[in-house]
Amino acid sequence: MKAPSFDTSADVIVVGAGPAGATAATYLARAGIDVLLLEKSTFPREKVCGDGLTPRGVKQVLALGIDVSGDDWVKNKGLRVVGGGVSLELDWPDLTSYPPFGLVRTRRDFDEMLADLAVKAGARMRQATNVSSPIIDERTGRIIGVTAKTPEGPTNFHAPLVIAADGVSARVAIGMGIDKREDRPMGVAVRRYYRSDVRTHDDYLESHLELWDRSDPAKPMLMPGYGWIFGLGDGTVNVGLGVLNSSKAFGRTDYRALLKTWMEGTPEEWGLREETAIGTTLGAALPMGFNRTPHYRNGLLLIGDAGGAVNPFNGEGIAYAMESAALAADAVLQGLGRPEGPAREHALAGYPAAMSDHLGSYYRLGNVFSKLIGQPKIMAAATKLGLPRKQLMYLVLKVLAGLYDTRDGDWADKVTVALTKVVPRV
């Protein structure tokens, strides 16, 4: 292996410069840690996503000190839920824990902005650097770096700690023997952009709760998932759908065809037709409910999709990726502040404990929910009975979006907290 012309050693290696990796790298670099941020693609690049941030995601953006007042950001004030012949607009709740507005910005812009922020903080980012496997100390079993394909050829990078933010592929975790859990939910999302002057400006994120698979006209099937229409404010919209694996149709459904059929059924004046489509329909898997654990082992921390941090209630990933990154960065700072050995390991073990405290009970509730709505009769009944009742949907919004105060909240907050406490451990 030819010696590279750049420094391949660091205090911490972060694999993946998406929202999780860039956030972790920013916090660490700001604290004076030498961080190598390795990204397989080159910016700007596309990602399969709805491009929407709920107040939970906005909180993480603001925590990084990012100004969201400019034209690059499209603000929204709530969620419009459509289904069963009902359209209900729900404003984001007024909470002490989260801001009262959401944002929309394409991942093409958003991810590059976050990566640039990490570099400005002092992280050394290497693009077009595709990490393939961990480097493991055979004597201790600890990760001591990663191997990657780079423009200069195969290259080894070394650090005493590695943060895996390499998404659903989770190559580093798999190389360390951390496999995904089959008892946790998995989703699939597909999305496409369209030109639409009618739908591009919207004060609400729009979610459609009835997705019908009509591939067999004699047996239409209600899918466990939802569709979205998010206006981008520039004459375009992001349209997509997400489906859970709790349905018998999972893996046997043509999701791109399902999205096309749905668009063909929307009002003509919306303009969501093949001739107004921008680019192709892209798809991706959504690892949910902590489907890959432990989140720390032998010098490796898993954050974002690599640790299955997608919300099993609603498929939201950005907020939870950034939250996991902040928790991991804190554990790493505590660990590096202590000598190698038991003291450092004790600090690093605080990361999976923090993840469990932060989201464990909520995600267990979400895992139960994902199994229930996989049954078409339950999904249909929930849509029919819930949507006409605004007070009930107010509670549902808080539960599904994770937008509730854990202390001194209103009645819906208290109900949500109570639900997370009674869900059984598995």
Protein backbone atom coordinates (compact mmCIF):
# COMPACT_ATOMS: atom_id res chain seq x y z
CA MET A 1 0.00 0.00 0.00
CA LYS A 2 1.50 3.30 -1.12
CA ALA A 3 2.01 5.87 1.62
CA PRO A 4 -0.52 8.71 1.19
CA SER A 5 0.53 12.34 0.99
CA PHE A 6 -1.82 13.40 3.79
CA ASP A 7 -2.07 12.72 7.52
CA THR A 8 -4.08 9.55 8.12
CA SER A 9 -4.07 9.61 11.93
CA ALA A 10 -6.39 11.47 14.28
CA ASP A 11 -7.86 11.45 17.76
CA VAL A 12 -11.22 10.37 16.34
CA ILE A 13 -12.36 9.10 12.96
CA VAL A 14 -15.96 9.81 11.91
CA VAL A 15 -17.16 7.62 9.05
CA GLY A 16 -19.86 9.41 7.05
CA ALA A 17 -20.50 13.16 6.73
CA GLY A 18 -24.29 13.13 6.75
CA PRO A 19 -26.25 14.92 9.51
CA ALA A 20 -25.07 12.47 12.19
CA GLY A 21 -21.40 12.41 11.25
CA ALA A 22 -21.12 16.12 10.52
CA THR A 23 -22.81 17.01 13.80
CA ALA A 24 -20.51 14.76 15.83
CA ALA A 25 -17.45 16.09 14.02
CA THR A 26 -18.51 19.70 14.64
CA TYR A 27 -18.95 19.24 18.38
CA LEU A 28 -15.66 17.36 18.72
CA ALA A 29 -13.66 19.79 16.57
CA ARG A 30 -15.03 22.76 18.49
CA ALA A 31 -13.68 21.11 21.65
CA GLY A 32 -10.20 20.89 20.12
CA ILE A 33 -10.26 17.23 19.13
CA ASP A 34 -8.39 16.24 15.97
CA VAL A 35 -11.16 14.73 13.83
CA LEU A 36 -10.93 12.96 10.48
CA LEU A 37 -14.33 13.06 8.73
CA LEU A 38 -14.47 10.48 5.93
CA GLU A 39 -17.25 10.77 3.32
CA LYS A 40 -17.70 8.25 0.51
CA SER A 41 -19.42 10.73 -1.84
CA THR A 42 -18.56 14.26 -2.91
CA PHE A 43 -20.72 17.26 -2.04
CA PRO A 44 -23.25 18.24 -3.15
CA ARG A 45 -24.99 14.88 -3.31
CA GLU A 46 -28.53 13.55 -3.19
CA LYS A 47 -30.17 11.65 -0.32
CA VAL A 48 -33.53 9.93 -0.12
CA CYS A 49 -35.45 12.03 2.38
CA GLY A 50 -38.55 14.15 2.74
CA ASP A 51 -36.31 17.21 3.30
CA GLY A 52 -38.52 18.22 6.23
CA LEU A 53 -37.46 18.97 9.78
CA THR A 54 -39.96 18.79 12.62
CA PRO A 55 -39.36 21.04 15.65
CA ARG A 56 -37.29 18.18 17.08
CA GLY A 57 -34.85 18.50 14.18
CA VAL A 58 -34.94 22.29 14.29
CA LYS A 59 -33.79 22.15 17.90
CA GLN A 60 -30.63 20.30 16.85
CA VAL A 61 -29.95 22.77 14.04
CA LEU A 62 -30.29 25.71 16.43
CA ALA A 63 -28.05 23.97 18.98
CA LEU A 64 -25.25 24.07 16.41
CA GLY A 65 -25.62 27.84 16.19
CA ILE A 66 -27.05 27.81 12.66
CA ASP A 67 -29.04 30.85 11.51
CA VAL A 68 -32.35 29.65 10.02
CA SER A 69 -33.74 33.09 9.15
CA GLY A 70 -32.50 33.17 5.55
CA ASP A 71 -34.22 32.32 2.28
CA ASP A 72 -32.54 28.91 2.20
CA TRP A 73 -34.99 27.74 4.84
CA VAL A 74 -38.75 27.29 4.39
CA LYS A 75 -40.61 27.52 7.69
CA ASN A 76 -43.81 25.65 8.49
CA LYS A 77 -46.16 25.84 11.44
CA GLY A 78 -47.52 22.33 11.65
CA LEU A 79 -48.67 19.10 10.07
CA ARG A 80 -51.65 18.54 7.79
CA VAL A 81 -52.94 14.97 8.11
CA VAL A 82 -55.06 13.60 5.25
CA GLY A 83 -57.02 10.35 5.26
CA GLY A 84 -60.48 8.84 5.42
CA GLY A 85 -61.93 11.80 3.56
CA VAL A 86 -60.67 14.17 6.27
CA SER A 87 -57.97 16.85 6.14
CA LEU A 88 -56.84 18.09 9.56
CA GLU A 89 -54.30 20.85 10.23
CA LEU A 90 -52.38 20.52 13.48
CA ASP A 91 -50.03 23.29 14.61
CA TRP A 92 -46.76 22.23 16.19
CA PRO A 93 -47.27 22.17 19.97
CA ASP A 94 -46.06 24.97 22.23
CA LEU A 95 -43.36 23.30 24.30
CA THR A 96 -40.46 24.25 26.54
CA SER A 97 -38.35 21.47 24.97
CA TYR A 98 -38.70 22.32 21.27
CA PRO A 99 -39.25 25.38 19.07
CA PRO A 100 -42.78 25.92 17.67
CA PHE A 101 -41.89 25.65 13.98
CA GLY A 102 -40.53 23.22 11.43
CA LEU A 103 -38.22 23.73 8.45
CA VAL A 104 -37.74 22.43 4.94
CA ARG A 105 -34.46 22.40 3.05
CA THR A 106 -33.20 19.88 0.51
CA ARG A 107 -30.73 17.34 1.78
CA ARG A 108 -28.51 18.30 -1.14
CA ASP A 109 -28.04 21.71 0.49
CA PHE A 110 -28.56 20.74 4.12
CA ASP A 111 -25.92 18.02 4.27
CA GLU A 112 -23.29 20.12 2.51
CA MET A 113 -23.98 23.01 4.91
CA LEU A 114 -23.47 20.73 7.94
CA ALA A 115 -20.29 19.23 6.48
CA ASP A 116 -18.93 22.74 5.82
CA LEU A 117 -19.75 23.66 9.41
CA ALA A 118 -17.67 20.72 10.63
CA VAL A 119 -14.74 21.80 8.47
CA LYS A 120 -15.00 25.39 9.70
CA ALA A 121 -14.89 24.02 13.26
CA GLY A 122 -11.59 22.30 12.46
CA ALA A 123 -12.51 18.81 11.28
CA ARG A 124 -10.37 17.42 8.43
CA MET A 125 -12.82 16.12 5.85
CA ARG A 126 -11.84 13.65 3.14
CA GLN A 127 -14.44 13.24 0.38
CA ALA A 128 -14.56 10.38 -2.15
CA THR A 129 -13.25 8.18 0.66
CA ASN A 130 -15.27 4.97 0.81
CA VAL A 131 -14.64 3.11 4.06
CA SER A 132 -14.91 -0.63 3.55
CA SER A 133 -13.93 -2.20 6.87
CA PRO A 134 -12.55 -1.62 10.35
CA ILE A 135 -8.95 -2.23 11.35
CA ILE A 136 -9.00 -4.40 14.48
CA ASP A 137 -6.23 -4.99 16.97
CA GLU A 138 -6.09 -8.79 17.06
CA ARG A 139 -4.75 -8.78 20.60
CA THR A 140 -7.46 -6.62 22.17
CA GLY A 141 -10.33 -6.83 19.68
CA ARG A 142 -10.54 -3.03 19.63
CA ILE A 143 -11.01 -0.95 16.52
CA ILE A 144 -7.91 1.11 15.79
CA GLY A 145 -8.87 2.58 12.43
CA VAL A 146 -10.55 1.89 9.10
CA THR A 147 -9.58 0.89 5.58
CA ALA A 148 -10.95 2.97 2.70
CA LYS A 149 -10.84 3.33 -1.05
CA THR A 150 -9.56 6.82 -1.88
CA PRO A 151 -8.56 8.64 -5.08
CA GLU A 152 -4.96 7.89 -4.06
CA GLY A 153 -5.71 4.17 -3.70
CA PRO A 154 -6.48 1.90 -0.72
CA THR A 155 -5.63 3.75 2.49
CA ASN A 156 -5.59 2.92 6.18
CA PHE A 157 -6.69 5.58 8.65
CA HIS A 158 -5.91 5.24 12.36
CA ALA A 159 -7.50 6.56 15.55
CA PRO A 160 -8.16 5.18 19.04
CA LEU A 161 -11.89 5.89 18.64
CA VAL A 162 -14.16 5.58 15.61
CA ILE A 163 -17.68 6.93 15.21
CA ALA A 164 -19.69 5.05 12.60
CA ALA A 165 -22.15 7.31 10.81
CA ASP A 166 -22.10 5.27 7.61
CA GLY A 167 -25.86 4.82 7.37
CA VAL A 168 -27.92 1.71 6.82
CA SER A 169 -25.01 -0.13 5.19
CA ALA A 170 -23.23 -0.07 8.57
CA ARG A 171 -20.07 -1.61 7.14
CA VAL A 172 -17.92 -0.68 10.10
CA ALA A 173 -20.38 -2.13 12.63
CA ILE A 174 -20.76 -5.33 10.62
CA GLY A 175 -17.00 -5.64 10.44
CA MET A 176 -16.93 -5.41 14.22
CA GLY A 177 -19.52 -8.18 14.55
CA ILE A 178 -22.43 -5.92 15.46
CA ASP A 179 -25.37 -7.30 13.49
CA LYS A 180 -28.84 -5.86 13.07
CA ARG A 181 -31.73 -7.10 15.18
CA GLU A 182 -34.46 -8.82 13.20
CA ASP A 183 -37.02 -8.12 15.93
CA ARG A 184 -36.89 -4.37 15.24
CA PRO A 185 -38.80 -2.59 12.46
CA MET A 186 -37.37 -1.66 9.09
CA GLY A 187 -38.90 0.72 6.58
CA VAL A 188 -38.50 1.63 2.94
CA ALA A 189 -38.85 5.16 1.59
CA VAL A 190 -39.04 6.40 -1.99
CA ARG A 191 -39.17 10.03 -3.09
CA ARG A 192 -39.24 12.20 -6.18
CA TYR A 193 -39.21 15.92 -6.91
CA TYR A 194 -41.90 17.64 -9.01
CA ARG A 195 -42.45 21.13 -10.36
CA SER A 196 -45.65 22.53 -8.85
CA ASP A 197 -46.42 26.21 -8.40
CA VAL A 198 -49.67 25.23 -6.67
CA ARG A 199 -48.13 23.06 -3.91
CA THR A 200 -44.67 24.62 -3.50
CA HIS A 201 -45.81 27.16 -0.86
CA ASP A 202 -47.44 25.59 2.19
CA ASP A 203 -47.54 26.50 5.85
CA TYR A 204 -47.92 22.82 6.72
CA LEU A 205 -46.06 19.60 6.06
CA GLU A 206 -48.65 17.30 4.50
CA SER A 207 -48.95 13.63 5.45
CA HIS A 208 -51.33 11.17 3.77
CA LEU A 209 -52.22 8.21 5.99
CA GLU A 210 -53.95 6.09 3.35
CA LEU A 211 -51.60 4.37 0.93
CA TRP A 212 -53.38 1.75 -1.16
CA ASP A 213 -51.50 -0.89 -3.11
CA ARG A 214 -53.76 -1.53 -6.10
CA SER A 215 -51.40 -3.78 -8.04
CA ASP A 216 -54.13 -6.40 -7.71
CA PRO A 217 -57.35 -4.44 -8.45
CA ALA A 218 -59.43 -7.22 -6.96
CA LYS A 219 -57.58 -7.04 -3.65
CA PRO A 220 -56.46 -3.48 -2.85
CA MET A 221 -54.28 -3.42 0.27
CA LEU A 222 -53.91 -0.59 2.78
CA MET A 223 -50.19 -0.24 3.45
CA PRO A 224 -48.65 0.44 6.90
CA GLY A 225 -47.06 3.77 6.18
CA TYR A 226 -47.75 7.23 4.87
CA GLY A 227 -47.14 9.52 1.94
CA TRP A 228 -45.86 13.08 2.11
CA ILE A 229 -46.00 16.27 0.07
CA PHE A 230 -43.53 18.90 1.29
CA GLY A 231 -43.37 22.24 -0.53
CA LEU A 232 -39.86 23.59 -1.07
CA GLY A 233 -40.91 27.17 -1.77
CA ASP A 234 -38.99 27.42 -5.05
CA GLY A 235 -41.59 26.06 -7.46
CA THR A 236 -40.90 22.44 -6.56
CA VAL A 237 -42.17 19.85 -4.06
CA ASN A 238 -40.73 16.75 -2.47
CA VAL A 239 -43.18 13.85 -2.74
CA GLY A 240 -42.60 10.42 -1.28
CA LEU A 241 -43.84 7.53 0.77
CA GLY A 242 -42.59 5.34 3.55
CA VAL A 243 -43.73 1.78 4.28
CA LEU A 244 -42.98 -0.51 7.24
CA ASN A 245 -41.88 -4.12 7.08
CA SER A 246 -44.71 -5.13 9.42
CA SER A 247 -46.97 -5.67 6.41
CA LYS A 248 -47.19 -9.00 4.57
CA ALA A 249 -46.75 -6.98 1.36
CA PHE A 250 -43.33 -5.65 2.44
CA GLY A 251 -40.68 -6.60 -0.07
CA ARG A 252 -43.27 -7.68 -2.64
CA THR A 253 -44.55 -4.20 -3.47
CA ASP A 254 -43.22 -2.03 -6.29
CA TYR A 255 -42.89 1.16 -4.25
CA ARG A 256 -41.94 3.31 -7.22
CA ALA A 257 -45.08 2.18 -9.02
CA LEU A 258 -47.08 2.81 -5.82
CA LEU A 259 -45.79 6.39 -5.70
CA LYS A 260 -46.64 6.93 -9.38
CA THR A 261 -50.17 5.56 -8.90
CA TRP A 262 -50.70 7.84 -5.92
CA MET A 263 -49.54 10.89 -7.89
CA GLU A 264 -51.85 10.04 -10.78
CA GLY A 265 -54.75 10.14 -8.33
CA THR A 266 -53.97 13.64 -7.03
CA PRO A 267 -55.84 16.69 -8.40
CA GLU A 268 -54.76 17.67 -11.92
CA GLU A 269 -54.14 21.27 -10.87
CA TRP A 270 -51.39 20.17 -8.47
CA GLY A 271 -49.30 19.25 -11.50
CA LEU A 272 -47.81 16.11 -9.93
CA ARG A 273 -47.50 14.14 -13.15
CA GLU A 274 -44.73 12.42 -15.08
CA GLU A 275 -44.16 15.43 -17.34
CA THR A 276 -43.43 17.69 -14.33
CA ALA A 277 -41.19 15.20 -12.52
CA ILE A 278 -37.58 16.17 -11.83
CA GLY A 279 -35.13 13.29 -12.02
CA THR A 280 -35.90 9.70 -11.12
CA THR A 281 -37.58 8.12 -8.12
CA LEU A 282 -34.98 7.13 -5.53
CA GLY A 283 -35.40 4.69 -2.66
CA ALA A 284 -33.65 3.77 0.58
CA ALA A 285 -34.06 1.57 3.64
CA LEU A 286 -34.95 3.07 7.03
CA PRO A 287 -33.36 1.26 10.01
CA MET A 288 -35.65 1.90 12.98
CA GLY A 289 -36.10 1.45 16.69
CA PHE A 290 -32.44 0.79 17.56
CA ASN A 291 -32.20 -2.18 15.22
CA ARG A 292 -28.42 -2.36 15.61
CA THR A 293 -26.93 -2.57 19.09
CA PRO A 294 -24.86 -2.21 21.19
CA HIS A 295 -24.24 1.40 20.32
CA TYR A 296 -20.73 1.15 21.74
CA ARG A 297 -18.22 -1.66 21.63
CA ASN A 298 -14.42 -1.76 21.74
CA GLY A 299 -13.74 1.79 20.59
CA LEU A 300 -16.63 2.02 18.09
CA LEU A 301 -19.70 4.23 18.56
CA LEU A 302 -22.76 3.89 16.31
CA ILE A 303 -24.81 6.98 15.54
CA GLY A 304 -27.70 7.82 13.26
CA ASP A 305 -28.87 5.18 10.79
CA ALA A 306 -25.83 3.03 11.56
CA GLY A 307 -27.35 2.52 15.02
CA GLY A 308 -30.93 2.18 13.77
CA ALA A 309 -31.90 5.56 15.18
CA VAL A 310 -34.83 6.27 12.82
CA ASN A 311 -38.11 6.93 14.68
CA PRO A 312 -40.34 3.82 14.26
CA PHE A 313 -43.46 5.98 14.64
CA ASN A 314 -42.94 8.29 11.67
CA GLY A 315 -39.73 7.43 9.82
CA GLU A 316 -38.02 10.67 10.85
CA GLY A 317 -34.26 10.26 10.88
CA ILE A 318 -32.43 13.60 10.82
CA ALA A 319 -33.42 14.80 14.29
CA TYR A 320 -32.51 11.52 15.95
CA ALA A 321 -29.28 11.20 13.97
CA MET A 322 -28.20 14.60 15.27
CA GLU A 323 -29.34 13.81 18.81
CA SER A 324 -27.33 10.58 18.83
CA ALA A 325 -24.33 12.50 17.46
CA ALA A 326 -24.49 15.02 20.29
CA LEU A 327 -24.68 12.26 22.90
CA ALA A 328 -21.81 10.35 21.29
CA ALA A 329 -19.63 13.46 21.07
CA ASP A 330 -20.16 14.12 24.77
CA ALA A 331 -19.16 10.55 25.67
CA VAL A 332 -16.06 10.77 23.46
CA LEU A 333 -14.99 14.04 25.08
CA GLN A 334 -15.42 12.49 28.51
CA GLY A 335 -13.52 9.40 27.40
CA LEU A 336 -10.58 11.24 25.86
CA GLY A 337 -10.31 13.29 29.02
CA ARG A 338 -9.38 10.14 30.93
CA PRO A 339 -6.42 7.76 30.59
CA GLU A 340 -6.73 4.73 28.34
CA GLY A 341 -8.08 1.70 30.11
CA PRO A 342 -10.99 1.14 32.50
CA ALA A 343 -11.53 4.83 33.25
CA ARG A 344 -11.94 5.71 29.57
CA GLU A 345 -14.13 2.68 28.92
CA HIS A 346 -16.37 3.65 31.80
CA ALA A 347 -16.94 7.06 30.22
CA LEU A 348 -17.57 5.64 26.75
CA ALA A 349 -20.09 3.18 28.17
CA GLY A 350 -22.11 6.24 29.08
CA TYR A 351 -23.10 6.65 25.42
CA PRO A 352 -25.35 3.57 25.04
CA ALA A 353 -26.72 4.28 28.50
CA ALA A 354 -27.54 7.84 27.44
CA MET A 355 -29.19 6.61 24.24
CA SER A 356 -31.31 4.18 26.25
CA ASP A 357 -32.32 6.86 28.75
CA HIS A 358 -33.05 9.35 25.98
CA LEU A 359 -35.01 7.22 23.52
CA GLY A 360 -35.20 3.64 24.76
CA SER A 361 -38.72 3.57 26.21
CA TYR A 362 -40.10 5.82 23.44
CA TYR A 363 -38.67 3.56 20.75
CA ARG A 364 -39.98 0.44 22.49
CA LEU A 365 -43.42 2.01 22.28
CA GLY A 366 -42.79 2.78 18.63
CA ASN A 367 -41.78 -0.79 17.92
CA VAL A 368 -45.11 -1.98 19.33
CA PHE A 369 -46.92 0.62 17.25
CA SER A 370 -45.18 -0.49 14.04
CA LYS A 371 -46.37 -4.06 14.55
CA LEU A 372 -49.96 -2.98 15.22
CA ILE A 373 -50.36 -0.84 12.11
CA GLY A 374 -48.97 -3.68 10.00
CA GLN A 375 -52.44 -5.19 10.33
CA PRO A 376 -54.68 -3.54 7.67
CA LYS A 377 -57.82 -3.67 9.83
CA ILE A 378 -56.14 -1.83 12.69
CA MET A 379 -54.62 0.72 10.30
CA ALA A 380 -58.00 1.37 8.66
CA ALA A 381 -59.81 1.65 11.98
CA ALA A 382 -57.20 4.01 13.43
CA THR A 383 -57.47 6.30 10.41
CA LYS A 384 -61.26 6.28 10.38
CA LEU A 385 -61.74 6.80 14.11
CA GLY A 386 -58.82 9.12 14.85
CA LEU A 387 -58.83 11.76 12.12
CA PRO A 388 -62.27 13.29 12.83
CA ARG A 389 -61.28 13.90 16.46
CA LYS A 390 -58.92 16.85 16.76
CA GLN A 391 -58.17 16.38 20.46
CA LEU A 392 -57.19 12.77 19.86
CA MET A 393 -55.05 13.75 16.87
CA TYR A 394 -53.31 16.38 19.01
CA LEU A 395 -52.20 13.52 21.25
CA VAL A 396 -51.29 11.39 18.24
CA LEU A 397 -49.12 14.22 16.84
CA LYS A 398 -47.19 14.44 20.09
CA VAL A 399 -46.67 10.68 20.27
CA LEU A 400 -45.77 10.12 16.62
CA ALA A 401 -43.46 13.12 16.30
CA GLY A 402 -41.85 12.76 19.73
CA LEU A 403 -42.89 16.29 20.60
CA TYR A 404 -43.75 16.31 24.27
CA ASP A 405 -42.41 17.79 27.49
CA THR A 406 -41.33 15.21 30.04
CA ARG A 407 -41.93 17.60 32.94
CA ASP A 408 -44.79 20.01 33.65
CA GLY A 409 -46.46 19.38 30.30
CA ASP A 410 -50.13 19.40 29.38
CA TRP A 411 -52.51 16.43 29.47
CA ALA A 412 -51.19 15.03 26.17
CA ASP A 413 -47.60 15.24 27.39
CA LYS A 414 -48.53 13.37 30.56
CA VAL A 415 -50.34 10.65 28.59
CA THR A 416 -47.35 10.24 26.27
CA VAL A 417 -44.91 9.96 29.16
CA ALA A 418 -47.18 7.43 30.85
CA LEU A 419 -47.33 5.32 27.70
CA THR A 420 -43.53 5.20 27.47
CA LYS A 421 -43.35 4.01 31.07
CA VAL A 422 -45.74 1.08 30.70
CA VAL A 423 -44.38 -0.39 27.48
CA PRO A 424 -42.62 -3.69 28.31
CA ARG A 425 -38.89 -4.20 27.91
CA VAL A 426 -37.87 -6.73 25.27
